Amino acid sequence: MDEIPEQMTEEEAAEFYGNHDLADIWDELELVEESIAVSPRLRESMIYLRLEQRYLVALNQLAQQKGMSCHALMWAWIVEKLEKESKALLR
C-alpha cells in the first residue's frame, strides 16, 4: 500500500481510500483523540434514493471490485459530479 498522505481534501480521501485497503496497514494505524469542530453548513444530511434492482446489483459489484462500500462509491460519484458541474453553487 502507498503511504497514507497526511493531508487530503475530502475528494482526495475518497479516491485514496476507495483504491486502498486499510486492512493491509491496520496494525500501523494510531488512535488520535482530537475534537473536530464542524461548521453547521458542512454537516451531512441523509437522502434516500430508489434504484432499480439491476442498478443496485451493478453498484454493489463495482463497489466490491473497488474494495469499498456502495455508499462510499455513490458518495464519491456524487461529489465528483457536483464539483465538476456546480463549482459556483458550492461556495
N, C-alpha and C. Protein backbone atom coordinates (compact mmCIF):
# COMPACT_ATOMS: atom_id res chain seq x y z
N MET A 1 0.84 -1.18 0.00
CA MET A 1 0.00 0.00 0.00
C MET A 1 0.88 1.24 0.00
N ASP A 2 0.43 2.27 -0.71
CA ASP A 2 1.13 3.54 -0.71
C ASP A 2 1.06 4.15 0.68
N GLU A 3 1.98 5.05 0.96
CA GLU A 3 1.95 5.75 2.24
C GLU A 3 0.71 6.63 2.30
N ILE A 4 0.06 6.68 3.45
CA ILE A 4 -1.15 7.49 3.61
C ILE A 4 -0.75 8.96 3.66
N PRO A 5 -1.27 9.79 2.76
CA PRO A 5 -0.96 11.22 2.81
C PRO A 5 -1.45 11.84 4.11
N GLU A 6 -0.67 12.78 4.65
CA GLU A 6 -1.05 13.39 5.92
C GLU A 6 -2.20 14.36 5.76
N GLN A 7 -2.29 15.04 4.64
CA GLN A 7 -3.37 15.99 4.41
C GLN A 7 -4.00 15.71 3.06
N MET A 8 -5.35 15.62 3.06
CA MET A 8 -6.08 15.36 1.83
C MET A 8 -7.39 16.13 1.87
N THR A 9 -7.87 16.53 0.71
CA THR A 9 -9.22 17.06 0.62
C THR A 9 -10.18 15.88 0.75
N GLU A 10 -11.47 16.15 0.94
CA GLU A 10 -12.43 15.06 1.04
C GLU A 10 -12.43 14.23 -0.25
N GLU A 11 -12.31 14.90 -1.39
CA GLU A 11 -12.29 14.19 -2.67
C GLU A 11 -11.05 13.30 -2.78
N GLU A 12 -9.89 13.84 -2.38
CA GLU A 12 -8.66 13.04 -2.41
C GLU A 12 -8.76 11.86 -1.45
N ALA A 13 -9.35 12.07 -0.28
CA ALA A 13 -9.51 10.99 0.69
C ALA A 13 -10.43 9.91 0.14
N ALA A 14 -11.54 10.31 -0.48
CA ALA A 14 -12.46 9.34 -1.06
C ALA A 14 -11.76 8.52 -2.13
N GLU A 15 -10.97 9.17 -2.96
CA GLU A 15 -10.25 8.45 -4.01
C GLU A 15 -9.20 7.53 -3.41
N PHE A 16 -8.43 8.04 -2.45
CA PHE A 16 -7.36 7.24 -1.84
C PHE A 16 -7.92 6.01 -1.16
N TYR A 17 -8.91 6.21 -0.27
CA TYR A 17 -9.45 5.09 0.49
C TYR A 17 -10.34 4.19 -0.37
N GLY A 18 -10.81 4.71 -1.49
CA GLY A 18 -11.55 3.89 -2.42
C GLY A 18 -10.66 2.94 -3.20
N ASN A 19 -9.38 3.27 -3.26
CA ASN A 19 -8.43 2.45 -4.03
C ASN A 19 -7.43 1.69 -3.16
N HIS A 20 -7.55 1.81 -1.84
CA HIS A 20 -6.61 1.14 -0.94
C HIS A 20 -7.37 0.40 0.15
N ASP A 21 -6.80 -0.68 0.61
CA ASP A 21 -7.42 -1.49 1.65
C ASP A 21 -6.69 -1.24 2.97
N LEU A 22 -7.37 -0.65 3.94
CA LEU A 22 -6.75 -0.35 5.23
C LEU A 22 -6.38 -1.62 6.00
N ALA A 23 -6.97 -2.74 5.64
CA ALA A 23 -6.63 -3.99 6.32
C ALA A 23 -5.14 -4.29 6.19
N ASP A 24 -4.52 -3.81 5.11
CA ASP A 24 -3.09 -4.06 4.89
C ASP A 24 -2.20 -3.34 5.91
N ILE A 25 -2.68 -2.25 6.47
CA ILE A 25 -1.86 -1.46 7.41
C ILE A 25 -2.56 -1.22 8.74
N TRP A 26 -3.61 -1.97 9.01
CA TRP A 26 -4.42 -1.73 10.21
C TRP A 26 -3.57 -1.64 11.47
N ASP A 27 -2.58 -2.52 11.61
CA ASP A 27 -1.74 -2.55 12.81
C ASP A 27 -0.82 -1.34 12.92
N GLU A 28 -0.61 -0.63 11.82
CA GLU A 28 0.27 0.54 11.82
C GLU A 28 -0.47 1.84 12.17
N LEU A 29 -1.80 1.79 12.15
CA LEU A 29 -2.57 3.00 12.43
C LEU A 29 -2.52 3.33 13.91
N GLU A 30 -2.59 4.62 14.22
CA GLU A 30 -2.58 5.03 15.62
C GLU A 30 -3.87 5.78 15.94
N LEU A 31 -4.33 5.59 17.15
CA LEU A 31 -5.55 6.25 17.60
C LEU A 31 -5.25 7.71 17.88
N VAL A 32 -6.09 8.57 17.37
CA VAL A 32 -5.94 10.01 17.59
C VAL A 32 -7.19 10.49 18.30
N GLU A 33 -7.00 11.07 19.46
CA GLU A 33 -8.14 11.61 20.20
C GLU A 33 -8.11 13.13 20.07
N GLU A 34 -8.90 13.62 19.15
CA GLU A 34 -8.92 15.05 18.87
C GLU A 34 -10.33 15.46 18.49
N SER A 35 -10.78 16.56 19.04
CA SER A 35 -12.10 17.07 18.69
C SER A 35 -12.01 17.86 17.40
N ILE A 36 -13.04 17.75 16.61
CA ILE A 36 -13.10 18.48 15.35
C ILE A 36 -14.39 19.28 15.34
N ALA A 37 -14.27 20.57 15.17
CA ALA A 37 -15.45 21.43 15.07
C ALA A 37 -15.94 21.42 13.63
N VAL A 38 -17.20 21.14 13.45
CA VAL A 38 -17.78 21.09 12.11
C VAL A 38 -18.74 22.26 11.95
N SER A 39 -18.51 23.01 10.91
CA SER A 39 -19.39 24.13 10.61
C SER A 39 -20.80 23.61 10.34
N PRO A 40 -21.83 24.32 10.83
CA PRO A 40 -23.20 23.86 10.57
C PRO A 40 -23.50 23.68 9.09
N ARG A 41 -22.89 24.46 8.23
CA ARG A 41 -23.16 24.32 6.81
C ARG A 41 -22.49 23.10 6.20
N LEU A 42 -21.56 22.50 6.93
CA LEU A 42 -20.87 21.31 6.42
C LEU A 42 -21.45 20.01 6.97
N ARG A 43 -22.40 20.11 7.86
CA ARG A 43 -23.00 18.89 8.42
C ARG A 43 -23.73 18.13 7.33
N GLU A 44 -23.72 16.83 7.48
CA GLU A 44 -24.34 15.98 6.47
C GLU A 44 -25.84 15.84 6.70
N SER A 45 -26.53 15.57 5.64
CA SER A 45 -27.95 15.25 5.68
C SER A 45 -28.14 13.92 4.97
N MET A 46 -29.12 13.18 5.40
CA MET A 46 -29.40 11.90 4.79
C MET A 46 -30.41 12.08 3.68
N ILE A 47 -30.18 11.39 2.57
CA ILE A 47 -31.15 11.34 1.49
C ILE A 47 -31.43 9.88 1.18
N TYR A 48 -32.56 9.63 0.61
CA TYR A 48 -32.93 8.28 0.20
C TYR A 48 -33.02 8.26 -1.31
N LEU A 49 -32.56 7.19 -1.90
CA LEU A 49 -32.51 7.07 -3.34
C LEU A 49 -33.04 5.71 -3.75
N ARG A 50 -34.03 5.71 -4.63
CA ARG A 50 -34.56 4.45 -5.14
C ARG A 50 -33.83 4.09 -6.42
N LEU A 51 -33.39 2.85 -6.51
CA LEU A 51 -32.71 2.36 -7.71
C LEU A 51 -33.37 1.07 -8.16
N GLU A 52 -33.43 0.90 -9.46
CA GLU A 52 -33.89 -0.38 -9.98
C GLU A 52 -32.90 -1.45 -9.53
N GLN A 53 -33.40 -2.66 -9.37
CA GLN A 53 -32.58 -3.77 -8.88
C GLN A 53 -31.31 -3.96 -9.71
N ARG A 54 -31.42 -3.83 -11.04
CA ARG A 54 -30.25 -4.05 -11.90
C ARG A 54 -29.16 -3.03 -11.62
N TYR A 55 -29.56 -1.79 -11.30
CA TYR A 55 -28.56 -0.77 -10.97
C TYR A 55 -27.94 -1.04 -9.61
N LEU A 56 -28.72 -1.49 -8.68
CA LEU A 56 -28.22 -1.79 -7.35
C LEU A 56 -27.23 -2.96 -7.40
N VAL A 57 -27.54 -3.96 -8.19
CA VAL A 57 -26.63 -5.11 -8.36
C VAL A 57 -25.31 -4.63 -8.97
N ALA A 58 -25.40 -3.84 -10.02
CA ALA A 58 -24.19 -3.33 -10.68
C ALA A 58 -23.38 -2.45 -9.72
N LEU A 59 -24.07 -1.61 -8.96
CA LEU A 59 -23.40 -0.73 -8.00
C LEU A 59 -22.65 -1.55 -6.95
N ASN A 60 -23.30 -2.56 -6.40
CA ASN A 60 -22.65 -3.40 -5.40
C ASN A 60 -21.46 -4.15 -5.98
N GLN A 61 -21.56 -4.62 -7.22
CA GLN A 61 -20.45 -5.33 -7.86
C GLN A 61 -19.26 -4.39 -8.09
N LEU A 62 -19.54 -3.19 -8.58
CA LEU A 62 -18.46 -2.21 -8.80
C LEU A 62 -17.79 -1.82 -7.49
N ALA A 63 -18.60 -1.58 -6.47
CA ALA A 63 -18.05 -1.19 -5.16
C ALA A 63 -17.17 -2.31 -4.62
N GLN A 64 -17.63 -3.55 -4.74
CA GLN A 64 -16.85 -4.68 -4.26
C GLN A 64 -15.52 -4.79 -5.01
N GLN A 65 -15.55 -4.57 -6.31
CA GLN A 65 -14.32 -4.61 -7.12
C GLN A 65 -13.34 -3.55 -6.66
N LYS A 66 -13.87 -2.40 -6.23
CA LYS A 66 -13.02 -1.30 -5.78
C LYS A 66 -12.66 -1.40 -4.30
N GLY A 67 -13.22 -2.39 -3.61
CA GLY A 67 -12.91 -2.58 -2.20
C GLY A 67 -13.53 -1.53 -1.30
N MET A 68 -14.71 -1.06 -1.68
CA MET A 68 -15.38 -0.04 -0.88
C MET A 68 -16.86 -0.35 -0.79
N SER A 69 -17.56 0.35 0.09
CA SER A 69 -19.00 0.14 0.21
C SER A 69 -19.72 0.83 -0.94
N CYS A 70 -20.93 0.38 -1.22
CA CYS A 70 -21.70 1.03 -2.28
C CYS A 70 -22.03 2.47 -1.88
N HIS A 71 -22.21 2.72 -0.57
CA HIS A 71 -22.48 4.09 -0.11
C HIS A 71 -21.29 5.00 -0.38
N ALA A 72 -20.08 4.51 -0.10
CA ALA A 72 -18.89 5.32 -0.36
C ALA A 72 -18.70 5.58 -1.85
N LEU A 73 -18.99 4.59 -2.66
CA LEU A 73 -18.87 4.76 -4.11
C LEU A 73 -19.88 5.79 -4.62
N MET A 74 -21.13 5.68 -4.18
CA MET A 74 -22.14 6.67 -4.60
C MET A 74 -21.74 8.06 -4.15
N TRP A 75 -21.28 8.18 -2.90
CA TRP A 75 -20.87 9.48 -2.36
C TRP A 75 -19.75 10.07 -3.23
N ALA A 76 -18.75 9.24 -3.55
CA ALA A 76 -17.63 9.73 -4.36
C ALA A 76 -18.10 10.19 -5.74
N TRP A 77 -18.99 9.42 -6.36
CA TRP A 77 -19.52 9.80 -7.68
C TRP A 77 -20.29 11.10 -7.62
N ILE A 78 -21.15 11.24 -6.62
CA ILE A 78 -21.98 12.45 -6.50
C ILE A 78 -21.10 13.66 -6.25
N VAL A 79 -20.16 13.55 -5.32
CA VAL A 79 -19.28 14.68 -5.02
C VAL A 79 -18.44 15.06 -6.24
N GLU A 80 -17.92 14.05 -6.93
CA GLU A 80 -17.12 14.30 -8.13
C GLU A 80 -17.93 15.07 -9.17
N LYS A 81 -19.15 14.63 -9.41
CA LYS A 81 -20.01 15.27 -10.41
C LYS A 81 -20.38 16.70 -9.98
N LEU A 82 -20.72 16.87 -8.71
CA LEU A 82 -21.08 18.20 -8.22
C LEU A 82 -19.90 19.16 -8.31
N GLU A 83 -18.72 18.68 -7.93
CA GLU A 83 -17.53 19.53 -8.02
C GLU A 83 -17.27 19.96 -9.46
N LYS A 84 -17.49 19.07 -10.39
CA LYS A 84 -17.24 19.35 -11.80
C LYS A 84 -18.31 20.27 -12.38
N GLU A 85 -19.58 20.02 -12.05
CA GLU A 85 -20.69 20.72 -12.68
C GLU A 85 -21.17 21.97 -11.96
N SER A 86 -20.93 22.06 -10.66
CA SER A 86 -21.58 23.11 -9.87
C SER A 86 -20.64 23.90 -8.98
N LYS A 87 -19.43 24.16 -9.41
CA LYS A 87 -18.46 24.85 -8.57
C LYS A 87 -19.01 26.16 -8.01
N ALA A 88 -19.68 26.94 -8.81
CA ALA A 88 -20.19 28.23 -8.35
C ALA A 88 -21.27 28.07 -7.27
N LEU A 89 -22.05 27.01 -7.37
CA LEU A 89 -23.12 26.78 -6.40
C LEU A 89 -22.61 26.26 -5.07
N LEU A 90 -21.43 25.69 -5.03
CA LEU A 90 -20.89 25.07 -3.82
C LEU A 90 -20.18 26.05 -2.91
N ARG A 91 -20.05 27.26 -3.30
CA ARG A 91 -19.32 28.24 -2.48
C ARG A 91 -20.14 28.75 -1.35
